[in-house]
Amino acid sequence: SLDYGDFGDTLSSARNARGLAQHLHDAYGEATADFFMSSALRLRGEVNEAQKLAAAAEALAQRAGDSNAHAHALLELATLTKNKGDYLQGLEYAIQATRDEPPGSDPRARAVTLSKLSKLYEQIEDNAQALAYADQALRVAEGQPDRKALMYVLVGYANTLNDLSPEQHARALDYARRAFDFSRQIGNRTMEVDAELQIARAQFNGADYTTAAAAFDHALATARAIGLKQSIAHIQLRRGEMYERSGRLVDAIADTHDAIAIYRSADNLPRLI
């Protein structure tokens, strides 16, 4: 349900699971349920409530003694604190998650952790570390038969290239298209939106405005259909940049105002600034 974008179903199922886990005094089950609720609320733009649940998941996983669940909760906290502008705290959570990963842990999870570290180092403007971690994440993910982790890493790498190296738009476009095609194959609509946003950004960086406009519009329609509020704002912010470059200032201002309203409601200070 989470991947498909049915956040209401995710929340309902997770609440039921949490109730059962509490009845059975199952700290691991309760932590897992809180983690899924946090993820769903974050994607819906309800960041403050998501952060409370992620913190609860982290404490419960630690109590249960499950290092994998603890690492997942720490990474969720890393994402949420990054979104609120506390980059150093987010980086501390992510580094702690890497330390908590047990020896011989799932390489798919390792690839995702490295990708998150890449984005956090980008936020504190350590671009060399950001690119180094993106490279590591890609090497780990490409060696695994499960393509889902690779899809996540490719989207993150495309995003980093679009941010830091717009001249590498062809490479970013390749990574984003690979992720988009796979997300469509498995029906992961949340990742589909993220990938298509990076496709549009790479096309914009390559001055292919007509094709980029179509990709922005399609990504926005999908994000609206499933209620991905943060993604809606990201798309409108970036589409506004394209409108500005194209001389469509009224449209640029309208998109930017819409993005501002969503970022303000979600307390996403870095994006709001």
C-alpha atoms as a PDB file:
ATOM      1  CA  SER A   1       0.000   0.000   0.000  1.00  0.00           C
ATOM      2  CA  LEU A   2       2.832   2.404   0.823  1.00  0.00           C
ATOM      3  CA  ASP A   3       4.610   1.845  -2.491  1.00  0.00           C
ATOM      4  CA  TYR A   4       1.389   2.076  -4.458  1.00  0.00           C
ATOM      5  CA  GLY A   5       0.517   5.361  -2.787  1.00  0.00           C
ATOM      6  CA  ASP A   6      -2.511   4.230  -0.790  1.00  0.00           C
ATOM      7  CA  PHE A   7      -1.473   5.973   2.411  1.00  0.00           C
ATOM      8  CA  GLY A   8      -4.892   5.649   4.020  1.00  0.00           C
ATOM      9  CA  ASP A   9      -4.723   1.868   3.721  1.00  0.00           C
ATOM     10  CA  THR A  10      -1.135   1.881   4.997  1.00  0.00           C
ATOM     11  CA  LEU A  11      -2.137   3.847   8.087  1.00  0.00           C
ATOM     12  CA  SER A  12      -5.199   1.686   8.752  1.00  0.00           C
ATOM     13  CA  SER A  13      -3.270  -1.575   8.414  1.00  0.00           C
ATOM     14  CA  ALA A  14      -0.381  -0.287  10.525  1.00  0.00           C
ATOM     15  CA  ARG A  15      -2.725   0.899  13.295  1.00  0.00           C
ATOM     16  CA  ASN A  16      -4.356  -2.532  13.397  1.00  0.00           C
ATOM     17  CA  ALA A  17      -0.933  -4.187  13.500  1.00  0.00           C
ATOM     18  CA  ARG A  18       0.181  -1.892  16.307  1.00  0.00           C
ATOM     19  CA  GLY A  19      -2.923  -2.701  18.349  1.00  0.00           C
ATOM     20  CA  LEU A  20      -2.273  -6.422  17.970  1.00  0.00           C
ATOM     21  CA  ALA A  21       1.421  -5.987  18.806  1.00  0.00           C
ATOM     22  CA  GLN A  22       0.562  -4.031  21.955  1.00  0.00           C
ATOM     23  CA  HIS A  23      -1.857  -6.781  23.004  1.00  0.00           C
ATOM     24  CA  LEU A  24       0.891  -9.374  22.533  1.00  0.00           C
ATOM     25  CA  HIS A  25       3.564  -7.175  24.179  1.00  0.00           C
ATOM     26  CA  ASP A  26       5.549  -7.403  20.936  1.00  0.00           C
ATOM     27  CA  ALA A  27       7.907  -4.412  20.885  1.00  0.00           C
ATOM     28  CA  TYR A  28       9.319  -5.344  17.469  1.00  0.00           C
ATOM     29  CA  GLY A  29       5.868  -5.538  15.885  1.00  0.00           C
ATOM     30  CA  GLU A  30       4.872  -2.232  17.442  1.00  0.00           C
ATOM     31  CA  ALA A  31       8.106  -0.603  16.199  1.00  0.00           C
ATOM     32  CA  THR A  32       7.496  -1.867  12.672  1.00  0.00           C
ATOM     33  CA  ALA A  33       3.933  -0.546  12.676  1.00  0.00           C
ATOM     34  CA  ASP A  34       5.073   2.865  13.912  1.00  0.00           C
ATOM     35  CA  PHE A  35       7.749   2.941  11.207  1.00  0.00           C
ATOM     36  CA  PHE A  36       5.209   2.361   8.437  1.00  0.00           C
ATOM     37  CA  MET A  37       2.857   4.975   9.870  1.00  0.00           C
ATOM     38  CA  SER A  38       5.708   7.469  10.050  1.00  0.00           C
ATOM     39  CA  SER A  39       6.638   6.818   6.413  1.00  0.00           C
ATOM     40  CA  ALA A  40       3.043   7.245   5.239  1.00  0.00           C
ATOM     41  CA  LEU A  41       2.551  10.475   7.180  1.00  0.00           C
ATOM     42  CA  ARG A  42       5.859  11.887   5.907  1.00  0.00           C
ATOM     43  CA  LEU A  43       4.827  11.249   2.317  1.00  0.00           C
ATOM     44  CA  ARG A  44       1.491  12.958   3.010  1.00  0.00           C
ATOM     45  CA  GLY A  45       3.354  15.988   4.349  1.00  0.00           C
ATOM     46  CA  GLU A  46       2.472  15.485   8.034  1.00  0.00           C
ATOM     47  CA  VAL A  47       6.057  15.753   9.167  1.00  0.00           C
ATOM     48  CA  ASN A  48       5.632  16.559  12.860  1.00  0.00           C
ATOM     49  CA  GLU A  49       3.386  13.561  13.543  1.00  0.00           C
ATOM     50  CA  ALA A  50       5.663  11.396  11.419  1.00  0.00           C
ATOM     51  CA  GLN A  51       8.642  12.416  13.535  1.00  0.00           C
ATOM     52  CA  LYS A  52       6.872  11.447  16.775  1.00  0.00           C
ATOM     53  CA  LEU A  53       6.107   7.992  15.385  1.00  0.00           C
ATOM     54  CA  ALA A  54       9.640   7.519  14.059  1.00  0.00           C
ATOM     55  CA  ALA A  55      11.026   8.373  17.505  1.00  0.00           C
ATOM     56  CA  ALA A  56       8.615   5.871  19.074  1.00  0.00           C
ATOM     57  CA  ALA A  57       9.692   3.230  16.545  1.00  0.00           C
ATOM     58  CA  GLU A  58      13.363   3.867  17.340  1.00  0.00           C
ATOM     59  CA  ALA A  59      12.798   3.457  21.105  1.00  0.00           C
ATOM     60  CA  LEU A  60      10.700   0.314  20.655  1.00  0.00           C
ATOM     61  CA  ALA A  61      13.195  -1.295  18.265  1.00  0.00           C
ATOM     62  CA  GLN A  62      15.998  -0.591  20.711  1.00  0.00           C
ATOM     63  CA  ARG A  63      13.928  -2.163  23.504  1.00  0.00           C
ATOM     64  CA  ALA A  64      13.245  -5.192  21.329  1.00  0.00           C
ATOM     65  CA  GLY A  65      16.956  -5.537  20.583  1.00  0.00           C
ATOM     66  CA  ASP A  66      16.377  -5.703  16.821  1.00  0.00           C
ATOM     67  CA  SER A  67      19.261  -3.932  15.090  1.00  0.00           C
ATOM     68  CA  ASN A  68      17.650  -3.943  11.625  1.00  0.00           C
ATOM     69  CA  ALA A  69      14.425  -2.354  12.869  1.00  0.00           C
ATOM     70  CA  HIS A  70      16.470   0.133  14.878  1.00  0.00           C
ATOM     71  CA  ALA A  71      18.505   1.107  11.813  1.00  0.00           C
ATOM     72  CA  HIS A  72      15.330   1.574   9.731  1.00  0.00           C
ATOM     73  CA  ALA A  73      13.825   3.849  12.390  1.00  0.00           C
ATOM     74  CA  LEU A  74      17.043   5.871  12.616  1.00  0.00           C
ATOM     75  CA  LEU A  75      17.058   6.369   8.845  1.00  0.00           C
ATOM     76  CA  GLU A  76      13.452   7.531   8.962  1.00  0.00           C
ATOM     77  CA  LEU A  77      14.440  10.037  11.669  1.00  0.00           C
ATOM     78  CA  ALA A  78      17.392  11.102   9.501  1.00  0.00           C
ATOM     79  CA  THR A  79      15.058  11.859   6.597  1.00  0.00           C
ATOM     80  CA  LEU A  80      12.579  13.743   8.765  1.00  0.00           C
ATOM     81  CA  THR A  81      15.172  15.883  10.537  1.00  0.00           C
ATOM     82  CA  LYS A  82      16.801  16.652   7.172  1.00  0.00           C
ATOM     83  CA  ASN A  83      13.431  17.797   5.844  1.00  0.00           C
ATOM     84  CA  LYS A  84      13.095  20.140   8.810  1.00  0.00           C
ATOM     85  CA  GLY A  85      16.551  21.612   8.243  1.00  0.00           C
ATOM     86  CA  ASP A  86      18.460  19.941  11.075  1.00  0.00           C
ATOM     87  CA  TYR A  87      21.115  18.476   8.792  1.00  0.00           C
ATOM     88  CA  LEU A  88      23.700  17.648  11.433  1.00  0.00           C
ATOM     89  CA  GLN A  89      21.169  15.762  13.551  1.00  0.00           C
ATOM     90  CA  GLY A  90      20.009  13.934  10.445  1.00  0.00           C
ATOM     91  CA  LEU A  91      23.598  13.005   9.646  1.00  0.00           C
ATOM     92  CA  GLU A  92      24.118  11.747  13.206  1.00  0.00           C
ATOM     93  CA  TYR A  93      21.054   9.502  12.895  1.00  0.00           C
ATOM     94  CA  ALA A  94      22.253   8.096   9.562  1.00  0.00           C
ATOM     95  CA  ILE A  95      25.788   7.456  10.839  1.00  0.00           C
ATOM     96  CA  GLN A  96      24.353   5.728  13.910  1.00  0.00           C
ATOM     97  CA  ALA A  97      22.218   3.582  11.601  1.00  0.00           C
ATOM     98  CA  THR A  98      25.345   2.401   9.769  1.00  0.00           C
ATOM     99  CA  ARG A  99      26.942   1.491  13.089  1.00  0.00           C
ATOM    100  CA  ASP A 100      23.869  -0.424  14.190  1.00  0.00           C
ATOM    101  CA  GLU A 101      23.730  -2.555  11.059  1.00  0.00           C
ATOM    102  CA  PRO A 102      24.717  -6.079  12.098  1.00  0.00           C
ATOM    103  CA  PRO A 103      27.685  -7.818  10.423  1.00  0.00           C
ATOM    104  CA  GLY A 104      26.571  -9.371   7.158  1.00  0.00           C
ATOM    105  CA  SER A 105      23.467  -7.163   7.029  1.00  0.00           C
ATOM    106  CA  ASP A 106      21.280  -7.050   3.948  1.00  0.00           C
ATOM    107  CA  PRO A 107      23.233  -5.281   1.152  1.00  0.00           C
ATOM    108  CA  ARG A 108      19.976  -3.753  -0.115  1.00  0.00           C
ATOM    109  CA  ALA A 109      19.542  -1.923   3.184  1.00  0.00           C
ATOM    110  CA  ARG A 110      23.209  -0.917   3.075  1.00  0.00           C
ATOM    111  CA  ALA A 111      22.745   0.627  -0.371  1.00  0.00           C
ATOM    112  CA  VAL A 112      19.764   2.680   0.824  1.00  0.00           C
ATOM    113  CA  THR A 113      21.713   3.858   3.885  1.00  0.00           C
ATOM    114  CA  LEU A 114      24.630   4.980   1.713  1.00  0.00           C
ATOM    115  CA  SER A 115      22.229   6.840  -0.581  1.00  0.00           C
ATOM    116  CA  LYS A 116      20.704   8.682   2.380  1.00  0.00           C
ATOM    117  CA  LEU A 117      24.173   9.600   3.622  1.00  0.00           C
ATOM    118  CA  SER A 118      24.923  11.018   0.175  1.00  0.00           C
ATOM    119  CA  LYS A 119      21.953  13.390   0.371  1.00  0.00           C
ATOM    120  CA  LEU A 120      22.811  14.475   3.909  1.00  0.00           C
ATOM    121  CA  TYR A 121      26.397  15.308   2.977  1.00  0.00           C
ATOM    122  CA  GLU A 122      25.044  17.287   0.034  1.00  0.00           C
ATOM    123  CA  GLN A 123      22.892  19.313   2.425  1.00  0.00           C
ATOM    124  CA  ILE A 124      25.922  20.323   4.504  1.00  0.00           C
ATOM    125  CA  GLU A 125      27.708  21.188   1.219  1.00  0.00           C
ATOM    126  CA  ASP A 126      30.322  18.439   1.409  1.00  0.00           C
ATOM    127  CA  ASN A 127      29.845  17.665  -2.263  1.00  0.00           C
ATOM    128  CA  ALA A 128      32.850  15.354  -2.563  1.00  0.00           C
ATOM    129  CA  GLN A 129      31.478  13.109   0.190  1.00  0.00           C
ATOM    130  CA  ALA A 130      27.995  13.283  -1.310  1.00  0.00           C
ATOM    131  CA  LEU A 131      29.233  11.989  -4.673  1.00  0.00           C
ATOM    132  CA  ALA A 132      31.483   9.394  -3.037  1.00  0.00           C
ATOM    133  CA  TYR A 133      28.587   7.928  -1.049  1.00  0.00           C
ATOM    134  CA  ALA A 134      26.368   7.978  -4.145  1.00  0.00           C
ATOM    135  CA  ASP A 135      29.021   5.971  -5.995  1.00  0.00           C
ATOM    136  CA  GLN A 136      29.291   3.483  -3.129  1.00  0.00           C
ATOM    137  CA  ALA A 137      25.523   3.090  -2.973  1.00  0.00           C
ATOM    138  CA  LEU A 138      25.332   2.402  -6.694  1.00  0.00           C
ATOM    139  CA  ARG A 139      28.101  -0.208  -6.571  1.00  0.00           C
ATOM    140  CA  VAL A 140      26.391  -2.054  -3.718  1.00  0.00           C
ATOM    141  CA  ALA A 141      22.922  -1.889  -5.282  1.00  0.00           C
ATOM    142  CA  GLU A 142      24.054  -3.000  -8.742  1.00  0.00           C
ATOM    143  CA  GLY A 143      25.470  -6.185  -7.251  1.00  0.00           C
ATOM    144  CA  GLN A 144      22.093  -7.315  -5.881  1.00  0.00           C
ATOM    145  CA  PRO A 145      19.379  -9.304  -7.681  1.00  0.00           C
ATOM    146  CA  ASP A 146      16.616  -7.248  -6.040  1.00  0.00           C
ATOM    147  CA  ARG A 147      16.105  -4.176  -8.245  1.00  0.00           C
ATOM    148  CA  LYS A 148      14.103  -2.166  -5.712  1.00  0.00           C
ATOM    149  CA  ALA A 149      17.151  -0.898  -3.823  1.00  0.00           C
ATOM    150  CA  LEU A 150      18.838  -0.085  -7.139  1.00  0.00           C
ATOM    151  CA  MET A 151      15.785   1.923  -8.180  1.00  0.00           C
ATOM    152  CA  TYR A 152      15.968   3.980  -4.972  1.00  0.00           C
ATOM    153  CA  VAL A 153      19.711   4.553  -5.366  1.00  0.00           C
ATOM    154  CA  LEU A 154      19.396   5.573  -9.023  1.00  0.00           C
ATOM    155  CA  VAL A 155      16.754   8.186  -8.185  1.00  0.00           C
ATOM    156  CA  GLY A 156      18.932   9.562  -5.391  1.00  0.00           C
ATOM    157  CA  TYR A 157      21.995   9.687  -7.624  1.00  0.00           C
ATOM    158  CA  ALA A 158      20.060  11.415 -10.419  1.00  0.00           C
ATOM    159  CA  ASN A 159      18.847  13.967  -7.878  1.00  0.00           C
ATOM    160  CA  THR A 160      22.403  14.603  -6.668  1.00  0.00           C
ATOM    161  CA  LEU A 161      23.687  15.028 -10.218  1.00  0.00           C
ATOM    162  CA  ASN A 162      20.833  17.403 -11.067  1.00  0.00           C
ATOM    163  CA  ASP A 163      21.719  19.446  -7.974  1.00  0.00           C
ATOM    164  CA  LEU A 164      25.511  19.413  -8.113  1.00  0.00           C
ATOM    165  CA  SER A 165      26.467  18.644 -11.714  1.00  0.00           C
ATOM    166  CA  PRO A 166      23.757  19.897 -14.099  1.00  0.00           C
ATOM    167  CA  GLU A 167      26.241  19.530 -16.955  1.00  0.00           C
ATOM    168  CA  GLN A 168      25.947  15.757 -16.408  1.00  0.00           C
ATOM    169  CA  HIS A 169      22.273  15.870 -17.403  1.00  0.00           C
ATOM    170  CA  ALA A 170      22.612  12.914 -19.803  1.00  0.00           C
ATOM    171  CA  ARG A 171      23.888  10.688 -16.992  1.00  0.00           C
ATOM    172  CA  ALA A 172      21.190  11.901 -14.606  1.00  0.00           C
ATOM    173  CA  LEU A 173      18.567  11.259 -17.283  1.00  0.00           C
ATOM    174  CA  ASP A 174      19.818   7.694 -17.798  1.00  0.00           C
ATOM    175  CA  TYR A 175      19.677   6.916 -14.065  1.00  0.00           C
ATOM    176  CA  ALA A 176      16.242   8.466 -13.644  1.00  0.00           C
ATOM    177  CA  ARG A 177      14.799   6.684 -16.678  1.00  0.00           C
ATOM    178  CA  ARG A 178      16.062   3.317 -15.441  1.00  0.00           C
ATOM    179  CA  ALA A 179      14.382   3.919 -12.089  1.00  0.00           C
ATOM    180  CA  PHE A 180      11.192   5.180 -13.717  1.00  0.00           C
ATOM    181  CA  ASP A 181      10.871   2.156 -16.007  1.00  0.00           C
ATOM    182  CA  PHE A 182      11.326  -0.274 -13.134  1.00  0.00           C
ATOM    183  CA  SER A 183       8.934   1.606 -10.847  1.00  0.00           C
ATOM    184  CA  ARG A 184       6.284   1.357 -13.561  1.00  0.00           C
ATOM    185  CA  GLN A 185       6.926  -2.379 -13.932  1.00  0.00           C
ATOM    186  CA  ILE A 186       6.384  -3.126 -10.239  1.00  0.00           C
ATOM    187  CA  GLY A 187       3.684  -0.519  -9.630  1.00  0.00           C
ATOM    188  CA  ASN A 188       5.641   1.624  -7.165  1.00  0.00           C
ATOM    189  CA  ARG A 189       3.869   4.925  -7.754  1.00  0.00           C
ATOM    190  CA  THR A 190       5.708   6.907  -5.095  1.00  0.00           C
ATOM    191  CA  MET A 191       9.059   6.070  -6.672  1.00  0.00           C
ATOM    192  CA  GLU A 192       7.588   6.660 -10.129  1.00  0.00           C
ATOM    193  CA  VAL A 193       6.865  10.266  -9.169  1.00  0.00           C
ATOM    194  CA  ASP A 194      10.361  10.783  -7.735  1.00  0.00           C
ATOM    195  CA  ALA A 195      11.982   9.301 -10.846  1.00  0.00           C
ATOM    196  CA  GLU A 196       9.895  11.321 -13.288  1.00  0.00           C
ATOM    197  CA  LEU A 197      10.707  14.519 -11.399  1.00  0.00           C
ATOM    198  CA  GLN A 198      14.413  13.781 -11.896  1.00  0.00           C
ATOM    199  CA  ILE A 199      13.789  12.990 -15.570  1.00  0.00           C
ATOM    200  CA  ALA A 200      12.176  16.399 -15.968  1.00  0.00           C
ATOM    201  CA  ARG A 201      15.000  18.130 -14.107  1.00  0.00           C
ATOM    202  CA  ALA A 202      17.659  16.441 -16.253  1.00  0.00           C
ATOM    203  CA  GLN A 203      15.804  17.454 -19.419  1.00  0.00           C
ATOM    204  CA  PHE A 204      15.535  21.002 -18.088  1.00  0.00           C
ATOM    205  CA  ASN A 205      19.280  21.037 -17.325  1.00  0.00           C
ATOM    206  CA  GLY A 206      19.821  19.940 -20.910  1.00  0.00           C
ATOM    207  CA  ALA A 207      17.653  22.860 -22.147  1.00  0.00           C
ATOM    208  CA  ASP A 208      15.005  20.470 -23.535  1.00  0.00           C
ATOM    209  CA  TYR A 209      12.161  22.551 -22.127  1.00  0.00           C
ATOM    210  CA  THR A 210       9.298  21.088 -24.160  1.00  0.00           C
ATOM    211  CA  THR A 211      10.041  17.505 -23.119  1.00  0.00           C
ATOM    212  CA  ALA A 212      10.770  18.589 -19.549  1.00  0.00           C
ATOM    213  CA  ALA A 213       7.415  20.378 -19.341  1.00  0.00           C
ATOM    214  CA  ALA A 214       5.569  17.181 -20.307  1.00  0.00           C
ATOM    215  CA  ALA A 215       7.468  15.184 -17.675  1.00  0.00           C
ATOM    216  CA  PHE A 216       6.825  17.794 -14.972  1.00  0.00           C
ATOM    217  CA  ASP A 217       3.113  17.840 -15.824  1.00  0.00           C
ATOM    218  CA  HIS A 218       2.780  14.048 -15.781  1.00  0.00           C
ATOM    219  CA  ALA A 219       4.696  13.702 -12.505  1.00  0.00           C
ATOM    220  CA  LEU A 220       2.512  16.399 -10.936  1.00  0.00           C
ATOM    221  CA  ALA A 221      -0.702  14.671 -12.055  1.00  0.00           C
ATOM    222  CA  THR A 222       0.467  11.366 -10.541  1.00  0.00           C
ATOM    223  CA  ALA A 223       1.562  13.026  -7.297  1.00  0.00           C
ATOM    224  CA  ARG A 224      -1.808  14.745  -6.967  1.00  0.00           C
ATOM    225  CA  ALA A 225      -3.690  11.527  -7.710  1.00  0.00           C
ATOM    226  CA  ILE A 226      -2.102   9.727  -4.750  1.00  0.00           C
ATOM    227  CA  GLY A 227      -1.714  12.699  -2.391  1.00  0.00           C
ATOM    228  CA  LEU A 228       2.092  13.022  -2.327  1.00  0.00           C
ATOM    229  CA  LYS A 229       2.067  16.536  -0.885  1.00  0.00           C
ATOM    230  CA  GLN A 230       5.822  16.985  -0.528  1.00  0.00           C
ATOM    231  CA  SER A 231       6.381  15.730  -4.067  1.00  0.00           C
ATOM    232  CA  ILE A 232       3.715  18.102  -5.379  1.00  0.00           C
ATOM    233  CA  ALA A 233       5.657  20.989  -3.859  1.00  0.00           C
ATOM    234  CA  HIS A 234       9.008  19.708  -5.179  1.00  0.00           C
ATOM    235  CA  ILE A 235       7.601  19.415  -8.701  1.00  0.00           C
ATOM    236  CA  GLN A 236       5.996  22.844  -8.652  1.00  0.00           C
ATOM    237  CA  LEU A 237       9.165  24.455  -7.295  1.00  0.00           C
ATOM    238  CA  ARG A 238      11.255  22.926 -10.101  1.00  0.00           C
ATOM    239  CA  ARG A 239       8.631  23.535 -12.777  1.00  0.00           C
ATOM    240  CA  GLY A 240       8.553  27.153 -11.630  1.00  0.00           C
ATOM    241  CA  GLU A 241      12.273  27.373 -12.360  1.00  0.00           C
ATOM    242  CA  MET A 242      11.603  26.135 -15.890  1.00  0.00           C
ATOM    243  CA  TYR A 243       8.765  28.617 -16.363  1.00  0.00           C
ATOM    244  CA  GLU A 244      11.042  31.430 -15.186  1.00  0.00           C
ATOM    245  CA  ARG A 245      13.773  30.373 -17.622  1.00  0.00           C
ATOM    246  CA  SER A 246      11.176  30.253 -20.408  1.00  0.00           C
ATOM    247  CA  GLY A 247       9.892  33.755 -19.634  1.00  0.00           C
ATOM    248  CA  ARG A 248       6.545  32.550 -18.218  1.00  0.00           C
ATOM    249  CA  LEU A 249       6.828  34.634 -15.063  1.00  0.00           C
ATOM    250  CA  VAL A 250       3.161  34.545 -14.059  1.00  0.00           C
ATOM    251  CA  ASP A 251       3.166  30.731 -14.166  1.00  0.00           C
ATOM    252  CA  ALA A 252       6.516  30.628 -12.349  1.00  0.00           C
ATOM    253  CA  ILE A 253       5.175  32.773  -9.527  1.00  0.00           C
ATOM    254  CA  ALA A 254       1.969  30.735  -9.252  1.00  0.00           C
ATOM    255  CA  ASP A 255       3.849  27.431  -8.996  1.00  0.00           C
ATOM    256  CA  THR A 256       6.245  28.873  -6.447  1.00  0.00           C
ATOM    257  CA  HIS A 257       3.427  30.233  -4.270  1.00  0.00           C
ATOM    258  CA  ASP A 258       1.770  26.800  -4.280  1.00  0.00           C
ATOM    259  CA  ALA A 259       5.045  25.149  -3.258  1.00  0.00           C
ATOM    260  CA  ILE A 260       5.566  27.703  -0.474  1.00  0.00           C
ATOM    261  CA  ALA A 261       2.137  26.936   0.994  1.00  0.00           C
ATOM    262  CA  ILE A 262       2.867  23.200   1.149  1.00  0.00           C
ATOM    263  CA  TYR A 263       6.359  23.646   2.589  1.00  0.00           C
ATOM    264  CA  ARG A 264       5.045  26.027   5.232  1.00  0.00           C
ATOM    265  CA  SER A 265       2.259  23.639   6.263  1.00  0.00           C
ATOM    266  CA  ALA A 266       4.768  20.780   6.529  1.00  0.00           C
ATOM    267  CA  ASP A 267       7.328  22.857   8.473  1.00  0.00           C
ATOM    268  CA  ASN A 268       9.913  22.091   5.753  1.00  0.00           C
ATOM    269  CA  LEU A 269      12.178  25.040   6.481  1.00  0.00           C
ATOM    270  CA  PRO A 270      15.017  24.357   3.983  1.00  0.00           C
ATOM    271  CA  ARG A 271      12.654  24.095   1.034  1.00  0.00           C
ATOM    272  CA  LEU A 272      10.594  27.032   2.280  1.00  0.00           C
ATOM    273  CA  ILE A 273      13.716  29.226   2.341  1.00  0.00           C
END
